[in-house]
Amino acid sequence: MARHYTTREFFRQMPNALLARYFHERQGLFAELDFAAMKETRTDELFAAWLELPDSQRNEMDAEFQSIFEMSCEKGFIAIRDEAEFQLEAEPQALDELMEKLAALANHFERAMVTFLVDPVSSEPLSAGKSLLTGKFTGNFRNFRPQVNGNSALTHCFQGS
């Protein structure tokens, strides 16, 4: 069955905590929205605020959301895993730890957003305009450099999740 992207459905599928992280930390938007108080999948307030943004700003973010959506499935997770295997070929324990953390997340939407938001080298949030994965999530991303030992990869994202 084909998957069809819409922004509203993307908001419904993505956990509120990760949406908050995206909008607050990466974009500096929607500080007035209480994502913690919003019920999961009930993102009408967020969508209304989204519609108030200028088209140019929405279009840029929507392109990122579509890329994340493309990776939010089994094939996307396989691509993320394959890239981690490539980058951590010499560190099998680090790869195992990273895969355990990603596998522990509730769904592929979380895995894709976590991979998009967090720099696994520094465990710091990525700023706007930067992504772990170069360009769109197409499976050709050689900048994905997860490190787990010492600098626990994705630690920032797993805190408070």
C-alpha atoms as a PDB file:
ATOM      1  CA  MET A   1       0.000   0.000   0.000  1.00  0.00           C
ATOM      2  CA  ALA A   2       1.405   3.391  -0.988  1.00  0.00           C
ATOM      3  CA  ARG A   3       2.012   5.975   1.689  1.00  0.00           C
ATOM      4  CA  HIS A   4       0.893   9.526   1.005  1.00  0.00           C
ATOM      5  CA  TYR A   5       2.456  12.510   2.720  1.00  0.00           C
ATOM      6  CA  THR A   6       0.490  15.409   4.145  1.00  0.00           C
ATOM      7  CA  THR A   7       1.783  17.831   6.736  1.00  0.00           C
ATOM      8  CA  ARG A   8      -1.239  17.315   8.964  1.00  0.00           C
ATOM      9  CA  GLU A   9      -0.786  13.538   8.935  1.00  0.00           C
ATOM     10  CA  PHE A  10       2.945  13.914   9.527  1.00  0.00           C
ATOM     11  CA  PHE A  11       2.193  15.953  12.662  1.00  0.00           C
ATOM     12  CA  ARG A  12      -0.254  13.281  13.836  1.00  0.00           C
ATOM     13  CA  GLN A  13       2.248  10.460  13.341  1.00  0.00           C
ATOM     14  CA  MET A  14       5.212  12.209  14.975  1.00  0.00           C
ATOM     15  CA  PRO A  15       5.435  12.223  18.777  1.00  0.00           C
ATOM     16  CA  ASN A  16       4.786  15.669  20.239  1.00  0.00           C
ATOM     17  CA  ALA A  17       8.118  15.684  22.075  1.00  0.00           C
ATOM     18  CA  LEU A  18      10.003  15.326  18.795  1.00  0.00           C
ATOM     19  CA  LEU A  19       7.836  17.948  17.085  1.00  0.00           C
ATOM     20  CA  ALA A  20       8.611  20.299  19.972  1.00  0.00           C
ATOM     21  CA  ARG A  21      12.311  19.564  19.614  1.00  0.00           C
ATOM     22  CA  TYR A  22      12.150  20.260  15.891  1.00  0.00           C
ATOM     23  CA  PHE A  23      10.218  23.514  16.167  1.00  0.00           C
ATOM     24  CA  HIS A  24      11.815  24.884  19.348  1.00  0.00           C
ATOM     25  CA  GLU A  25      15.441  23.841  18.969  1.00  0.00           C
ATOM     26  CA  ARG A  26      15.917  23.671  15.214  1.00  0.00           C
ATOM     27  CA  GLN A  27      13.593  26.420  14.025  1.00  0.00           C
ATOM     28  CA  GLY A  28      13.066  28.642  17.079  1.00  0.00           C
ATOM     29  CA  LEU A  29       9.307  28.571  16.476  1.00  0.00           C
ATOM     30  CA  PHE A  30       6.105  28.030  18.408  1.00  0.00           C
ATOM     31  CA  ALA A  31       7.514  28.724  21.877  1.00  0.00           C
ATOM     32  CA  GLU A  32       3.964  29.603  22.937  1.00  0.00           C
ATOM     33  CA  LEU A  33       2.666  26.118  22.117  1.00  0.00           C
ATOM     34  CA  ASP A  34       2.630  23.630  24.964  1.00  0.00           C
ATOM     35  CA  PHE A  35       3.520  20.435  23.126  1.00  0.00           C
ATOM     36  CA  ALA A  36       3.503  18.453  26.379  1.00  0.00           C
ATOM     37  CA  ALA A  37      -0.127  19.407  27.010  1.00  0.00           C
ATOM     38  CA  MET A  38      -1.215  18.482  23.481  1.00  0.00           C
ATOM     39  CA  LYS A  39      -2.645  15.011  23.178  1.00  0.00           C
ATOM     40  CA  GLU A  40      -0.707  12.775  20.847  1.00  0.00           C
ATOM     41  CA  THR A  41      -2.230  12.783  17.361  1.00  0.00           C
ATOM     42  CA  ARG A  42      -4.308  15.871  18.285  1.00  0.00           C
ATOM     43  CA  THR A  43      -2.186  18.501  16.596  1.00  0.00           C
ATOM     44  CA  ASP A  44      -4.879  20.941  15.452  1.00  0.00           C
ATOM     45  CA  GLU A  45      -3.345  23.787  17.461  1.00  0.00           C
ATOM     46  CA  LEU A  46       0.066  23.112  15.904  1.00  0.00           C
ATOM     47  CA  PHE A  47      -1.398  22.883  12.418  1.00  0.00           C
ATOM     48  CA  ALA A  48      -3.230  26.199  12.876  1.00  0.00           C
ATOM     49  CA  ALA A  49       0.016  27.862  13.972  1.00  0.00           C
ATOM     50  CA  TRP A  50       1.785  26.200  11.026  1.00  0.00           C
ATOM     51  CA  LEU A  51      -0.692  27.724   8.589  1.00  0.00           C
ATOM     52  CA  GLU A  52       0.080  31.203   9.963  1.00  0.00           C
ATOM     53  CA  LEU A  53       3.721  30.920   8.827  1.00  0.00           C
ATOM     54  CA  PRO A  54       4.754  32.462   5.497  1.00  0.00           C
ATOM     55  CA  ASP A  55       4.623  30.066   2.548  1.00  0.00           C
ATOM     56  CA  SER A  56       8.382  30.258   1.992  1.00  0.00           C
ATOM     57  CA  GLN A  57       9.110  29.207   5.578  1.00  0.00           C
ATOM     58  CA  ARG A  58       6.539  26.405   5.483  1.00  0.00           C
ATOM     59  CA  ASN A  59       7.864  25.146   2.160  1.00  0.00           C
ATOM     60  CA  GLU A  60      11.417  24.795   3.499  1.00  0.00           C
ATOM     61  CA  MET A  61      10.273  22.878   6.569  1.00  0.00           C
ATOM     62  CA  ASP A  62       7.789  20.847   4.583  1.00  0.00           C
ATOM     63  CA  ALA A  63      10.626  19.631   2.346  1.00  0.00           C
ATOM     64  CA  GLU A  64      12.430  18.420   5.479  1.00  0.00           C
ATOM     65  CA  PHE A  65       9.264  16.753   6.751  1.00  0.00           C
ATOM     66  CA  GLN A  66       8.820  14.956   3.452  1.00  0.00           C
ATOM     67  CA  SER A  67      12.395  13.679   3.662  1.00  0.00           C
ATOM     68  CA  ILE A  68      11.816  12.474   7.209  1.00  0.00           C
ATOM     69  CA  PHE A  69       8.532  10.882   6.127  1.00  0.00           C
ATOM     70  CA  GLU A  70      10.354   9.005   3.356  1.00  0.00           C
ATOM     71  CA  MET A  71      12.637   7.452   5.978  1.00  0.00           C
ATOM     72  CA  SER A  72       9.833   6.699   8.456  1.00  0.00           C
ATOM     73  CA  CYS A  73       9.209   3.169   7.262  1.00  0.00           C
ATOM     74  CA  GLU A  74      10.927  -0.183   7.382  1.00  0.00           C
ATOM     75  CA  LYS A  75      12.966   0.539   4.245  1.00  0.00           C
ATOM     76  CA  GLY A  76      14.042   3.880   5.690  1.00  0.00           C
ATOM     77  CA  PHE A  77      15.205   2.249   8.891  1.00  0.00           C
ATOM     78  CA  ILE A  78      17.102  -0.338   6.847  1.00  0.00           C
ATOM     79  CA  ALA A  79      18.838   2.536   5.028  1.00  0.00           C
ATOM     80  CA  ILE A  80      19.719   4.186   8.355  1.00  0.00           C
ATOM     81  CA  ARG A  81      20.988   0.859   9.689  1.00  0.00           C
ATOM     82  CA  ASP A  82      23.021   0.193   6.543  1.00  0.00           C
ATOM     83  CA  GLU A  83      24.661   3.599   6.770  1.00  0.00           C
ATOM     84  CA  ALA A  84      25.450   3.077  10.456  1.00  0.00           C
ATOM     85  CA  GLU A  85      26.986  -0.300   9.583  1.00  0.00           C
ATOM     86  CA  PHE A  86      29.138   1.407   6.950  1.00  0.00           C
ATOM     87  CA  GLN A  87      30.264   4.172   9.316  1.00  0.00           C
ATOM     88  CA  LEU A  88      30.836   1.896  12.316  1.00  0.00           C
ATOM     89  CA  GLU A  89      32.374  -1.043  10.507  1.00  0.00           C
ATOM     90  CA  ALA A  90      35.411  -0.953  12.810  1.00  0.00           C
ATOM     91  CA  GLU A  91      33.296  -0.530  15.965  1.00  0.00           C
ATOM     92  CA  PRO A  92      30.767  -3.369  16.168  1.00  0.00           C
ATOM     93  CA  GLN A  93      29.940  -2.691  19.822  1.00  0.00           C
ATOM     94  CA  ALA A  94      29.158   0.946  19.044  1.00  0.00           C
ATOM     95  CA  LEU A  95      26.929  -0.163  16.179  1.00  0.00           C
ATOM     96  CA  ASP A  96      25.089  -2.609  18.445  1.00  0.00           C
ATOM     97  CA  GLU A  97      24.504   0.092  21.060  1.00  0.00           C
ATOM     98  CA  LEU A  98      23.214   2.559  18.483  1.00  0.00           C
ATOM     99  CA  MET A  99      20.890   0.003  16.904  1.00  0.00           C
ATOM    100  CA  GLU A 100      19.548  -1.002  20.326  1.00  0.00           C
ATOM    101  CA  LYS A 101      18.698   2.622  21.090  1.00  0.00           C
ATOM    102  CA  LEU A 102      17.020   3.181  17.745  1.00  0.00           C
ATOM    103  CA  ALA A 103      15.163  -0.129  17.956  1.00  0.00           C
ATOM    104  CA  ALA A 104      13.880   0.823  21.408  1.00  0.00           C
ATOM    105  CA  LEU A 105      12.035   3.796  19.947  1.00  0.00           C
ATOM    106  CA  ALA A 106       8.325   3.249  19.422  1.00  0.00           C
ATOM    107  CA  ASN A 107       8.155   3.484  15.634  1.00  0.00           C
ATOM    108  CA  HIS A 108       9.883   4.399  12.401  1.00  0.00           C
ATOM    109  CA  PHE A 109       8.650   7.999  12.602  1.00  0.00           C
ATOM    110  CA  GLU A 110      10.610   8.452  15.823  1.00  0.00           C
ATOM    111  CA  ARG A 111      13.680   6.758  14.364  1.00  0.00           C
ATOM    112  CA  ALA A 112      13.657   8.968  11.271  1.00  0.00           C
ATOM    113  CA  MET A 113      13.157  12.191  13.246  1.00  0.00           C
ATOM    114  CA  VAL A 114      15.835  11.278  15.786  1.00  0.00           C
ATOM    115  CA  THR A 115      18.249  10.559  12.967  1.00  0.00           C
ATOM    116  CA  PHE A 116      17.359  13.907  11.405  1.00  0.00           C
ATOM    117  CA  LEU A 117      17.558  16.047  14.559  1.00  0.00           C
ATOM    118  CA  VAL A 118      20.591  14.867  16.469  1.00  0.00           C
ATOM    119  CA  ASP A 119      24.258  15.001  15.540  1.00  0.00           C
ATOM    120  CA  PRO A 120      25.503  11.590  16.651  1.00  0.00           C
ATOM    121  CA  VAL A 121      29.094  12.803  16.865  1.00  0.00           C
ATOM    122  CA  SER A 122      28.423  15.484  19.466  1.00  0.00           C
ATOM    123  CA  SER A 123      24.951  14.360  20.632  1.00  0.00           C
ATOM    124  CA  GLU A 124      23.924  17.982  20.165  1.00  0.00           C
ATOM    125  CA  PRO A 125      20.871  19.144  18.235  1.00  0.00           C
ATOM    126  CA  LEU A 126      21.601  20.061  14.635  1.00  0.00           C
ATOM    127  CA  SER A 127      20.947  23.648  13.648  1.00  0.00           C
ATOM    128  CA  ALA A 128      18.608  24.624  10.840  1.00  0.00           C
ATOM    129  CA  GLY A 129      19.991  23.943   7.422  1.00  0.00           C
ATOM    130  CA  LYS A 130      22.097  21.024   8.595  1.00  0.00           C
ATOM    131  CA  SER A 131      21.258  17.367   8.588  1.00  0.00           C
ATOM    132  CA  LEU A 132      23.032  14.167   9.438  1.00  0.00           C
ATOM    133  CA  LEU A 133      22.040  12.928   6.074  1.00  0.00           C
ATOM    134  CA  THR A 134      23.168  15.003   3.138  1.00  0.00           C
ATOM    135  CA  GLY A 135      20.362  16.277   0.986  1.00  0.00           C
ATOM    136  CA  LYS A 136      17.198  14.248   0.954  1.00  0.00           C
ATOM    137  CA  PHE A 137      16.981  10.917   2.677  1.00  0.00           C
ATOM    138  CA  THR A 138      17.702   8.799  -0.363  1.00  0.00           C
ATOM    139  CA  GLY A 139      19.934   6.115   1.085  1.00  0.00           C
ATOM    140  CA  ASN A 140      23.035   7.913  -0.164  1.00  0.00           C
ATOM    141  CA  PHE A 141      24.230   9.613   2.982  1.00  0.00           C
ATOM    142  CA  ARG A 142      27.868   9.302   3.893  1.00  0.00           C
ATOM    143  CA  ASN A 143      27.879  12.057   6.528  1.00  0.00           C
ATOM    144  CA  PHE A 144      26.005   9.839   8.970  1.00  0.00           C
ATOM    145  CA  ARG A 145      28.689   9.237  11.573  1.00  0.00           C
ATOM    146  CA  PRO A 146      27.184   7.648  14.696  1.00  0.00           C
ATOM    147  CA  GLN A 147      29.522   7.196  17.628  1.00  0.00           C
ATOM    148  CA  VAL A 148      28.397   5.487  20.766  1.00  0.00           C
ATOM    149  CA  ASN A 149      31.415   4.712  22.930  1.00  0.00           C
ATOM    150  CA  GLY A 150      32.338   7.664  25.083  1.00  0.00           C
ATOM    151  CA  ASN A 151      30.175  10.099  23.110  1.00  0.00           C
ATOM    152  CA  SER A 152      26.954   8.179  23.305  1.00  0.00           C
ATOM    153  CA  ALA A 153      25.266   8.659  19.957  1.00  0.00           C
ATOM    154  CA  LEU A 154      21.814  10.185  20.083  1.00  0.00           C
ATOM    155  CA  THR A 155      22.010  10.595  23.881  1.00  0.00           C
ATOM    156  CA  HIS A 156      20.469  14.023  23.630  1.00  0.00           C
ATOM    157  CA  CYS A 157      17.480  12.682  21.800  1.00  0.00           C
ATOM    158  CA  PHE A 158      16.897   9.829  24.200  1.00  0.00           C
ATOM    159  CA  GLN A 159      16.891  12.129  27.222  1.00  0.00           C
ATOM    160  CA  GLY A 160      13.358  12.837  28.320  1.00  0.00           C
ATOM    161  CA  SER A 161      11.823  10.716  25.596  1.00  0.00           C
END
